[in-house]
Amino acid sequence: MPVKIRLQRHGKKGKPFFWIVAADARSKRDGKFLEKIGTYNPNTNPATIDLNIDSAVQWLHNGAQPTDTAKAILSYKGALLKHHLDGGIRKGALTQEQADAKLAAWLEAKAGKVDAKKAGLSKADADAKAKALKAEKEANEKRIAAQAEAAKVEEEAATEEVVEATEETTEAPAAEETNEETEA
């Protein structure tokens, strides 16, 4: 019975969630499986992968062939490296302690890269929020300045109207007086 390590789709439309399973190659994509090895959630950034490495390596030792995507996931989590190192142990090229040390060093370096990516993403998110806040403050200041300018223009127009009205009222009696004086 040919066994494949592959993804089994779950979740809803537009929000996929995958189980990583060891299944008979002839079974349906979402059908019967032999063992659930882990989960994969591509909706998060970076993608969330929960994998039982020992179980995956055991299936690889038994001859299970991973699909392309499953192979990438197994490589990302270090299962293929562990399988490779176990082959070196069987041949006598490495001791178990050396293999464990190499795997631990690789996993630590990988965790550092993932943490750096998460930190970069959170920093970029914080920078974007700060930039948006700054732009919003500038827009608010411009709007307040425009409102103050409009109020100032309205006040000037109102004072000009009052001044013109008072000038007209003072000019009208003066004009009448001059007319009366010229008649007299």
N, C-alpha and C. Protein backbone atom coordinates (compact mmCIF):
# COMPACT_ATOMS: atom_id res chain seq x y z
N MET A 1 0.85 -1.18 0.00
CA MET A 1 0.00 0.00 0.00
C MET A 1 0.90 1.24 0.00
N PRO A 2 0.85 2.03 -1.08
CA PRO A 2 1.67 3.25 -1.12
C PRO A 2 1.07 4.32 -0.21
N VAL A 3 1.93 4.87 0.65
CA VAL A 3 1.48 5.87 1.62
C VAL A 3 2.05 7.23 1.23
N LYS A 4 1.20 8.24 1.33
CA LYS A 4 1.61 9.61 1.04
C LYS A 4 1.40 10.45 2.29
N ILE A 5 2.30 11.39 2.49
CA ILE A 5 2.08 12.44 3.49
C ILE A 5 1.57 13.63 2.71
N ARG A 6 0.35 14.05 3.01
CA ARG A 6 -0.27 15.11 2.23
C ARG A 6 -1.17 15.97 3.10
N LEU A 7 -1.73 17.00 2.47
CA LEU A 7 -2.61 17.92 3.17
C LEU A 7 -4.06 17.52 2.94
N GLN A 8 -4.85 17.63 3.99
CA GLN A 8 -6.28 17.36 3.92
C GLN A 8 -6.98 18.66 4.25
N ARG A 9 -7.78 19.18 3.31
CA ARG A 9 -8.37 20.51 3.47
C ARG A 9 -9.56 20.49 4.41
N HIS A 10 -9.55 21.48 5.32
CA HIS A 10 -10.67 21.72 6.22
C HIS A 10 -10.90 23.22 6.21
N GLY A 11 -11.76 23.71 7.09
CA GLY A 11 -12.03 25.15 7.12
C GLY A 11 -13.21 25.48 6.23
N LYS A 12 -13.41 26.77 6.01
CA LYS A 12 -14.53 27.18 5.18
C LYS A 12 -14.04 27.85 3.91
N LYS A 13 -14.98 28.21 3.07
CA LYS A 13 -14.64 28.79 1.78
C LYS A 13 -13.85 30.08 1.99
N GLY A 14 -12.70 30.18 1.37
CA GLY A 14 -11.87 31.37 1.48
C GLY A 14 -10.99 31.39 2.71
N LYS A 15 -11.18 30.47 3.64
CA LYS A 15 -10.37 30.38 4.87
C LYS A 15 -9.90 28.94 5.05
N PRO A 16 -8.95 28.49 4.25
CA PRO A 16 -8.54 27.10 4.34
C PRO A 16 -7.76 26.80 5.62
N PHE A 17 -7.88 25.59 6.07
CA PHE A 17 -7.13 25.07 7.20
C PHE A 17 -6.82 23.63 6.85
N PHE A 18 -5.59 23.21 7.01
CA PHE A 18 -5.20 21.89 6.54
C PHE A 18 -4.72 21.01 7.68
N TRP A 19 -5.03 19.72 7.57
CA TRP A 19 -4.43 18.71 8.41
C TRP A 19 -3.32 18.08 7.59
N ILE A 20 -2.21 17.80 8.22
CA ILE A 20 -1.13 17.06 7.57
C ILE A 20 -1.32 15.61 7.98
N VAL A 21 -1.57 14.74 7.01
CA VAL A 21 -1.91 13.36 7.31
C VAL A 21 -1.05 12.39 6.50
N ALA A 22 -0.93 11.18 7.04
CA ALA A 22 -0.37 10.05 6.30
C ALA A 22 -1.57 9.25 5.83
N ALA A 23 -1.70 9.10 4.51
CA ALA A 23 -2.88 8.44 3.95
C ALA A 23 -2.48 7.54 2.79
N ASP A 24 -3.33 6.59 2.52
CA ASP A 24 -3.15 5.74 1.35
C ASP A 24 -3.24 6.64 0.12
N ALA A 25 -2.37 6.44 -0.82
CA ALA A 25 -2.32 7.29 -2.01
C ALA A 25 -3.58 7.20 -2.84
N ARG A 26 -4.32 6.09 -2.71
CA ARG A 26 -5.53 5.88 -3.52
C ARG A 26 -6.77 6.49 -2.89
N SER A 27 -6.69 6.94 -1.65
CA SER A 27 -7.88 7.51 -0.98
C SER A 27 -8.12 8.94 -1.45
N LYS A 28 -9.32 9.43 -1.21
CA LYS A 28 -9.69 10.78 -1.63
C LYS A 28 -8.89 11.81 -0.84
N ARG A 29 -8.86 13.04 -1.35
CA ARG A 29 -8.10 14.11 -0.71
C ARG A 29 -8.55 14.31 0.73
N ASP A 30 -9.84 14.39 0.94
CA ASP A 30 -10.37 14.63 2.28
C ASP A 30 -10.95 13.36 2.89
N GLY A 31 -10.56 12.21 2.35
CA GLY A 31 -11.13 10.94 2.78
C GLY A 31 -10.36 10.30 3.92
N LYS A 32 -10.36 8.96 3.92
CA LYS A 32 -9.71 8.20 4.99
C LYS A 32 -8.22 8.49 5.04
N PHE A 33 -7.69 8.51 6.26
CA PHE A 33 -6.25 8.67 6.44
C PHE A 33 -5.79 7.71 7.52
N LEU A 34 -4.51 7.44 7.54
CA LEU A 34 -3.95 6.50 8.50
C LEU A 34 -3.62 7.19 9.83
N GLU A 35 -3.02 8.39 9.75
CA GLU A 35 -2.65 9.11 10.97
C GLU A 35 -2.58 10.61 10.69
N LYS A 36 -3.07 11.39 11.64
CA LYS A 36 -2.95 12.84 11.56
C LYS A 36 -1.61 13.22 12.18
N ILE A 37 -0.77 13.87 11.39
CA ILE A 37 0.59 14.20 11.84
C ILE A 37 0.65 15.63 12.38
N GLY A 38 -0.18 16.52 11.83
CA GLY A 38 -0.13 17.91 12.29
C GLY A 38 -1.17 18.75 11.59
N THR A 39 -1.03 20.07 11.78
CA THR A 39 -1.94 21.03 11.15
C THR A 39 -1.14 22.14 10.50
N TYR A 40 -1.79 22.81 9.53
CA TYR A 40 -1.18 23.91 8.80
C TYR A 40 -2.24 24.96 8.56
N ASN A 41 -1.99 26.19 9.05
CA ASN A 41 -2.94 27.29 8.87
C ASN A 41 -2.26 28.40 8.07
N PRO A 42 -2.57 28.51 6.77
CA PRO A 42 -1.94 29.54 5.94
C PRO A 42 -2.56 30.92 6.10
N ASN A 43 -3.61 31.06 6.92
CA ASN A 43 -4.30 32.34 7.05
C ASN A 43 -3.54 33.33 7.92
N THR A 44 -2.59 32.86 8.73
CA THR A 44 -1.82 33.75 9.60
C THR A 44 -0.53 34.14 8.90
N ASN A 45 0.10 35.19 9.41
CA ASN A 45 1.37 35.62 8.84
C ASN A 45 2.39 35.72 9.95
N PRO A 46 3.43 34.90 9.97
CA PRO A 46 3.72 33.77 9.11
C PRO A 46 2.77 32.61 9.39
N ALA A 47 2.71 31.69 8.44
CA ALA A 47 1.77 30.56 8.55
C ALA A 47 2.04 29.76 9.82
N THR A 48 0.96 29.27 10.44
CA THR A 48 1.07 28.49 11.66
C THR A 48 1.14 27.01 11.30
N ILE A 49 2.21 26.36 11.75
CA ILE A 49 2.39 24.94 11.48
C ILE A 49 2.62 24.22 12.80
N ASP A 50 1.78 23.23 13.08
CA ASP A 50 1.94 22.40 14.26
C ASP A 50 2.17 20.99 13.75
N LEU A 51 3.37 20.44 14.00
CA LEU A 51 3.75 19.17 13.40
C LEU A 51 4.38 18.26 14.44
N ASN A 52 3.97 17.01 14.46
CA ASN A 52 4.61 15.99 15.29
C ASN A 52 5.78 15.45 14.47
N ILE A 53 6.97 15.96 14.75
CA ILE A 53 8.14 15.63 13.93
C ILE A 53 8.48 14.15 14.02
N ASP A 54 8.40 13.58 15.22
CA ASP A 54 8.75 12.17 15.38
C ASP A 54 7.84 11.26 14.56
N SER A 55 6.56 11.56 14.56
CA SER A 55 5.61 10.76 13.78
C SER A 55 5.87 10.91 12.29
N ALA A 56 6.16 12.15 11.86
CA ALA A 56 6.44 12.38 10.45
C ALA A 56 7.71 11.63 10.02
N VAL A 57 8.75 11.67 10.86
CA VAL A 57 10.00 10.97 10.54
C VAL A 57 9.76 9.46 10.50
N GLN A 58 8.93 8.97 11.42
CA GLN A 58 8.63 7.53 11.43
C GLN A 58 7.96 7.12 10.12
N TRP A 59 7.01 7.94 9.63
CA TRP A 59 6.36 7.62 8.35
C TRP A 59 7.36 7.71 7.20
N LEU A 60 8.28 8.67 7.26
CA LEU A 60 9.30 8.78 6.21
C LEU A 60 10.20 7.55 6.23
N HIS A 61 10.56 7.05 7.43
CA HIS A 61 11.37 5.83 7.54
C HIS A 61 10.64 4.62 6.95
N ASN A 62 9.31 4.62 7.08
CA ASN A 62 8.52 3.50 6.57
C ASN A 62 8.25 3.62 5.07
N GLY A 63 8.73 4.69 4.43
CA GLY A 63 8.62 4.80 2.98
C GLY A 63 7.51 5.71 2.48
N ALA A 64 6.89 6.48 3.35
CA ALA A 64 5.84 7.40 2.90
C ALA A 64 6.47 8.51 2.06
N GLN A 65 5.80 8.86 0.98
CA GLN A 65 6.30 9.91 0.09
C GLN A 65 5.49 11.18 0.31
N PRO A 66 6.13 12.30 0.66
CA PRO A 66 5.37 13.54 0.84
C PRO A 66 5.05 14.18 -0.50
N THR A 67 3.91 14.86 -0.56
CA THR A 67 3.59 15.66 -1.75
C THR A 67 4.49 16.89 -1.72
N ASP A 68 4.45 17.69 -2.77
CA ASP A 68 5.34 18.85 -2.86
C ASP A 68 5.12 19.84 -1.71
N THR A 69 3.87 20.17 -1.44
CA THR A 69 3.57 21.12 -0.37
C THR A 69 3.91 20.52 0.99
N ALA A 70 3.58 19.24 1.18
CA ALA A 70 3.90 18.58 2.45
C ALA A 70 5.42 18.50 2.62
N LYS A 71 6.14 18.28 1.54
CA LYS A 71 7.60 18.22 1.61
C LYS A 71 8.17 19.57 2.04
N ALA A 72 7.61 20.64 1.51
CA ALA A 72 8.06 21.98 1.90
C ALA A 72 7.79 22.23 3.38
N ILE A 73 6.65 21.79 3.86
CA ILE A 73 6.30 21.97 5.28
C ILE A 73 7.22 21.12 6.16
N LEU A 74 7.44 19.88 5.77
CA LEU A 74 8.33 19.00 6.54
C LEU A 74 9.75 19.56 6.57
N SER A 75 10.18 20.13 5.46
CA SER A 75 11.51 20.74 5.40
C SER A 75 11.57 21.97 6.30
N TYR A 76 10.53 22.77 6.29
CA TYR A 76 10.47 24.00 7.09
C TYR A 76 10.54 23.68 8.58
N LYS A 77 9.89 22.60 8.99
CA LYS A 77 9.87 22.24 10.41
C LYS A 77 11.05 21.35 10.83
N GLY A 78 11.85 20.86 9.89
CA GLY A 78 13.04 20.09 10.22
C GLY A 78 12.85 18.59 10.21
N ALA A 79 11.70 18.09 9.79
CA ALA A 79 11.47 16.65 9.77
C ALA A 79 12.35 15.96 8.73
N LEU A 80 12.53 16.59 7.56
CA LEU A 80 13.39 15.99 6.53
C LEU A 80 14.85 15.98 6.97
N LEU A 81 15.27 17.01 7.70
CA LEU A 81 16.65 17.04 8.21
C LEU A 81 16.85 15.93 9.23
N LYS A 82 15.88 15.73 10.10
CA LYS A 82 15.98 14.67 11.10
C LYS A 82 16.02 13.30 10.41
N HIS A 83 15.20 13.13 9.37
CA HIS A 83 15.20 11.88 8.61
C HIS A 83 16.58 11.66 7.97
N HIS A 84 17.15 12.71 7.43
CA HIS A 84 18.47 12.64 6.81
C HIS A 84 19.54 12.29 7.85
N LEU A 85 19.48 12.95 9.00
CA LEU A 85 20.46 12.68 10.06
C LEU A 85 20.31 11.26 10.60
N ASP A 86 19.09 10.75 10.67
CA ASP A 86 18.89 9.37 11.11
C ASP A 86 19.52 8.39 10.13
N GLY A 87 19.49 8.73 8.85
CA GLY A 87 20.17 7.90 7.85
C GLY A 87 21.68 7.88 8.10
N GLY A 88 22.24 9.03 8.48
CA GLY A 88 23.66 9.09 8.81
C GLY A 88 23.99 8.28 10.05
N ILE A 89 23.08 8.27 11.00
CA ILE A 89 23.30 7.48 12.22
C ILE A 89 23.29 5.99 11.89
N ARG A 90 22.34 5.56 11.04
CA ARG A 90 22.26 4.15 10.65
C ARG A 90 23.52 3.70 9.91
N LYS A 91 24.10 4.59 9.11
CA LYS A 91 25.31 4.25 8.37
C LYS A 91 26.56 4.33 9.23
N GLY A 92 26.45 4.98 10.39
CA GLY A 92 27.60 5.07 11.27
C GLY A 92 28.42 6.33 11.06
N ALA A 93 27.96 7.25 10.24
CA ALA A 93 28.70 8.49 9.99
C ALA A 93 28.57 9.47 11.15
N LEU A 94 27.49 9.37 11.89
CA LEU A 94 27.23 10.26 13.03
C LEU A 94 26.84 9.45 14.25
N THR A 95 27.02 10.06 15.39
CA THR A 95 26.45 9.48 16.61
C THR A 95 25.12 10.18 16.86
N GLN A 96 24.32 9.60 17.74
CA GLN A 96 23.01 10.18 18.06
C GLN A 96 23.17 11.57 18.65
N GLU A 97 24.19 11.77 19.49
CA GLU A 97 24.41 13.08 20.13
C GLU A 97 24.77 14.15 19.10
N GLN A 98 25.61 13.77 18.13
CA GLN A 98 25.99 14.72 17.08
C GLN A 98 24.77 15.11 16.24
N ALA A 99 23.96 14.12 15.91
CA ALA A 99 22.76 14.38 15.11
C ALA A 99 21.79 15.28 15.88
N ASP A 100 21.62 14.98 17.17
CA ASP A 100 20.73 15.81 17.98
C ASP A 100 21.25 17.23 18.09
N ALA A 101 22.56 17.40 18.22
CA ALA A 101 23.16 18.74 18.31
C ALA A 101 22.96 19.51 17.02
N LYS A 102 23.16 18.84 15.88
CA LYS A 102 22.95 19.51 14.59
C LYS A 102 21.50 19.92 14.41
N LEU A 103 20.58 19.02 14.77
CA LEU A 103 19.17 19.33 14.64
C LEU A 103 18.78 20.48 15.56
N ALA A 104 19.28 20.48 16.79
CA ALA A 104 18.95 21.55 17.74
C ALA A 104 19.50 22.89 17.25
N ALA A 105 20.72 22.89 16.71
CA ALA A 105 21.30 24.14 16.18
C ALA A 105 20.48 24.66 15.00
N TRP A 106 20.06 23.74 14.13
CA TRP A 106 19.27 24.15 12.97
C TRP A 106 17.92 24.70 13.41
N LEU A 107 17.26 24.02 14.37
CA LEU A 107 15.96 24.47 14.86
C LEU A 107 16.08 25.83 15.54
N GLU A 108 17.16 26.06 16.27
CA GLU A 108 17.37 27.35 16.93
C GLU A 108 17.56 28.47 15.92
N ALA A 109 18.35 28.19 14.88
CA ALA A 109 18.56 29.20 13.82
C ALA A 109 17.24 29.49 13.10
N LYS A 110 16.46 28.45 12.85
CA LYS A 110 15.17 28.63 12.18
C LYS A 110 14.21 29.45 13.05
N ALA A 111 14.21 29.16 14.35
CA ALA A 111 13.35 29.91 15.27
C ALA A 111 13.77 31.38 15.30
N GLY A 112 15.07 31.64 15.23
CA GLY A 112 15.55 33.02 15.18
C GLY A 112 15.06 33.75 13.95
N LYS A 113 15.07 33.06 12.80
CA LYS A 113 14.58 33.68 11.56
C LYS A 113 13.09 33.98 11.65
N VAL A 114 12.33 33.04 12.20
CA VAL A 114 10.87 33.23 12.32
C VAL A 114 10.58 34.38 13.27
N ASP A 115 11.30 34.43 14.39
CA ASP A 115 11.10 35.53 15.35
C ASP A 115 11.46 36.87 14.73
N ALA A 116 12.53 36.89 13.92
CA ALA A 116 12.92 38.13 13.25
C ALA A 116 11.83 38.57 12.28
N LYS A 117 11.23 37.62 11.57
CA LYS A 117 10.15 37.96 10.63
C LYS A 117 8.95 38.51 11.39
N LYS A 118 8.60 37.85 12.51
CA LYS A 118 7.46 38.32 13.30
C LYS A 118 7.73 39.73 13.85
N ALA A 119 8.96 39.95 14.32
CA ALA A 119 9.31 41.28 14.83
C ALA A 119 9.25 42.32 13.72
N GLY A 120 9.74 41.96 12.53
CA GLY A 120 9.68 42.88 11.39
C GLY A 120 8.25 43.20 11.00
N LEU A 121 7.39 42.19 11.03
CA LEU A 121 5.98 42.41 10.69
C LEU A 121 5.29 43.29 11.72
N SER A 122 5.58 43.04 13.00
CA SER A 122 4.95 43.86 14.03
C SER A 122 5.49 45.29 13.99
N LYS A 123 6.77 45.44 13.68
CA LYS A 123 7.35 46.79 13.56
C LYS A 123 6.74 47.52 12.36
N ALA A 124 6.59 46.81 11.26
CA ALA A 124 5.99 47.43 10.08
C ALA A 124 4.55 47.82 10.37
N ASP A 125 3.82 46.98 11.10
CA ASP A 125 2.44 47.29 11.46
C ASP A 125 2.39 48.52 12.36
N ALA A 126 3.31 48.58 13.34
CA ALA A 126 3.35 49.73 14.25
C ALA A 126 3.72 51.00 13.49
N ASP A 127 4.67 50.89 12.56
CA ASP A 127 5.05 52.05 11.75
C ASP A 127 3.88 52.53 10.89
N ALA A 128 3.14 51.59 10.32
CA ALA A 128 2.00 51.97 9.50
C ALA A 128 0.94 52.67 10.35
N LYS A 129 0.71 52.17 11.57
CA LYS A 129 -0.27 52.82 12.45
C LYS A 129 0.19 54.21 12.84
N ALA A 130 1.50 54.35 13.15
CA ALA A 130 2.03 55.66 13.52
C ALA A 130 1.93 56.64 12.35
N LYS A 131 2.21 56.16 11.16
CA LYS A 131 2.13 57.01 9.97
C LYS A 131 0.68 57.45 9.72
N ALA A 132 -0.25 56.52 9.88
CA ALA A 132 -1.66 56.85 9.69
C ALA A 132 -2.12 57.85 10.75
N LEU A 133 -1.67 57.68 11.99
CA LEU A 133 -2.03 58.60 13.06
C LEU A 133 -1.48 59.99 12.78
N LYS A 134 -0.23 60.05 12.30
CA LYS A 134 0.38 61.34 11.97
C LYS A 134 -0.38 62.03 10.84
N ALA A 135 -0.74 61.27 9.82
CA ALA A 135 -1.49 61.83 8.70
C ALA A 135 -2.86 62.32 9.17
N GLU A 136 -3.49 61.57 10.07
CA GLU A 136 -4.80 61.97 10.59
C GLU A 136 -4.68 63.25 11.40
N LYS A 137 -3.63 63.37 12.22
CA LYS A 137 -3.43 64.58 13.00
C LYS A 137 -3.21 65.79 12.10
N GLU A 138 -2.40 65.61 11.03
CA GLU A 138 -2.17 66.70 10.09
C GLU A 138 -3.47 67.11 9.41
N ALA A 139 -4.28 66.14 9.02
CA ALA A 139 -5.55 66.45 8.38
C ALA A 139 -6.47 67.20 9.34
N ASN A 140 -6.48 66.78 10.61
CA ASN A 140 -7.30 67.47 11.61
C ASN A 140 -6.83 68.90 11.82
N GLU A 141 -5.50 69.09 11.88
CA GLU A 141 -4.96 70.44 12.05
C GLU A 141 -5.32 71.33 10.86
N LYS A 142 -5.23 70.78 9.65
CA LYS A 142 -5.58 71.55 8.46
C LYS A 142 -7.06 71.92 8.49
N ARG A 143 -7.90 70.97 8.89
CA ARG A 143 -9.33 71.24 8.94
C ARG A 143 -9.63 72.31 9.98
N ILE A 144 -8.98 72.22 11.15
CA ILE A 144 -9.18 73.23 12.20
C ILE A 144 -8.70 74.60 11.73
N ALA A 145 -7.53 74.63 11.05
CA ALA A 145 -7.01 75.89 10.53
C ALA A 145 -7.95 76.47 9.48
N ALA A 146 -8.50 75.61 8.62
CA ALA A 146 -9.44 76.08 7.59
C ALA A 146 -10.71 76.63 8.24
N GLN A 147 -11.19 75.97 9.29
CA GLN A 147 -12.38 76.46 9.98
C GLN A 147 -12.09 77.80 10.67
N ALA A 148 -10.91 77.92 11.27
CA ALA A 148 -10.54 79.18 11.93
C ALA A 148 -10.42 80.29 10.89
N GLU A 149 -9.85 79.97 9.74
CA GLU A 149 -9.70 80.97 8.67
C GLU A 149 -11.08 81.39 8.17
N ALA A 150 -11.98 80.41 8.00
CA ALA A 150 -13.33 80.74 7.54
C ALA A 150 -14.04 81.61 8.57
N ALA A 151 -13.87 81.30 9.84
CA ALA A 151 -14.50 82.11 10.89
C ALA A 151 -13.91 83.52 10.89
N LYS A 152 -12.60 83.61 10.69
CA LYS A 152 -11.94 84.92 10.65
C LYS A 152 -12.45 85.74 9.47
N VAL A 153 -12.60 85.11 8.31
CA VAL A 153 -13.11 85.80 7.12
C VAL A 153 -14.54 86.26 7.37
N GLU A 154 -15.35 85.41 8.01
CA GLU A 154 -16.74 85.79 8.31
C GLU A 154 -16.78 86.97 9.27
N GLU A 155 -15.91 86.96 10.28
CA GLU A 155 -15.87 88.08 11.22
C GLU A 155 -15.46 89.38 10.52
N GLU A 156 -14.45 89.27 9.65
CA GLU A 156 -14.02 90.46 8.90
C GLU A 156 -15.14 90.98 8.02
N ALA A 157 -15.85 90.08 7.37
CA ALA A 157 -16.95 90.49 6.50
C ALA A 157 -18.05 91.14 7.34
N ALA A 158 -18.33 90.59 8.49
CA ALA A 158 -19.36 91.16 9.36
C ALA A 158 -18.93 92.53 9.87
N THR A 159 -17.69 92.69 10.26
CA THR A 159 -17.21 94.01 10.74
C THR A 159 -17.21 95.01 9.60
N GLU A 160 -16.85 94.56 8.39
CA GLU A 160 -16.87 95.47 7.24
C GLU A 160 -18.30 95.93 6.96
N GLU A 161 -19.26 95.02 7.07
CA GLU A 161 -20.65 95.39 6.84
C GLU A 161 -21.11 96.39 7.89
N VAL A 162 -20.71 96.16 9.14
CA VAL A 162 -21.09 97.08 10.21
C VAL A 162 -20.44 98.44 9.97
N VAL A 163 -19.18 98.43 9.58
CA VAL A 163 -18.49 99.70 9.31
C VAL A 163 -19.14 100.41 8.15
N GLU A 164 -19.45 99.68 7.07
CA GLU A 164 -20.09 100.30 5.92
C GLU A 164 -21.46 100.86 6.30
N ALA A 165 -22.20 100.12 7.09
CA ALA A 165 -23.53 100.58 7.50
C ALA A 165 -23.40 101.84 8.35
N THR A 166 -22.46 101.87 9.26
CA THR A 166 -22.28 103.08 10.09
C THR A 166 -21.79 104.23 9.23
N GLU A 167 -20.94 103.98 8.26
CA GLU A 167 -20.47 105.05 7.38
C GLU A 167 -21.63 105.60 6.55
N GLU A 168 -22.51 104.70 6.07
CA GLU A 168 -23.64 105.17 5.28
C GLU A 168 -24.58 106.02 6.13
N THR A 169 -24.77 105.57 7.37
CA THR A 169 -25.68 106.34 8.23
C THR A 169 -25.06 107.67 8.60
N THR A 170 -23.76 107.72 8.80
CA THR A 170 -23.12 109.01 9.12
C THR A 170 -23.01 109.88 7.88
N GLU A 171 -22.84 109.32 6.71
CA GLU A 171 -22.73 110.10 5.49
C GLU A 171 -24.10 110.67 5.09
N ALA A 172 -25.16 109.94 5.29
CA ALA A 172 -26.48 110.40 4.88
C ALA A 172 -26.88 111.67 5.63
N PRO A 173 -26.80 111.78 6.96
CA PRO A 173 -27.16 113.04 7.62
C PRO A 173 -26.21 114.17 7.22
N ALA A 174 -24.97 113.87 7.02
CA ALA A 174 -24.02 114.92 6.62
C ALA A 174 -24.39 115.44 5.24
N ALA A 175 -24.79 114.58 4.36
CA ALA A 175 -25.18 115.00 3.02
C ALA A 175 -26.45 115.84 3.10
N GLU A 176 -27.37 115.51 3.97
CA GLU A 176 -28.59 116.29 4.12
C GLU A 176 -28.27 117.69 4.67
N GLU A 177 -27.35 117.75 5.61
CA GLU A 177 -26.97 119.04 6.19
C GLU A 177 -26.36 119.94 5.13
N THR A 178 -25.50 119.37 4.29
CA THR A 178 -24.88 120.18 3.25
C THR A 178 -25.92 120.64 2.25
N ASN A 179 -26.89 119.82 1.96
CA ASN A 179 -27.96 120.22 1.04
C ASN A 179 -28.79 121.36 1.65
N GLU A 180 -29.06 121.24 2.95
CA GLU A 180 -29.83 122.25 3.62
C GLU A 180 -29.05 123.59 3.66
N GLU A 181 -27.77 123.50 3.87
CA GLU A 181 -26.96 124.71 3.94
C GLU A 181 -26.91 125.39 2.57
N THR A 182 -26.82 124.62 1.54
CA THR A 182 -26.76 125.19 0.21
C THR A 182 -28.10 125.80 -0.17
N GLU A 183 -29.18 125.30 0.30
CA GLU A 183 -30.50 125.85 0.02
C GLU A 183 -30.71 127.16 0.80
N ALA A 184 -30.17 127.14 1.99
CA ALA A 184 -30.40 128.30 2.82
C ALA A 184 -29.54 129.41 2.31
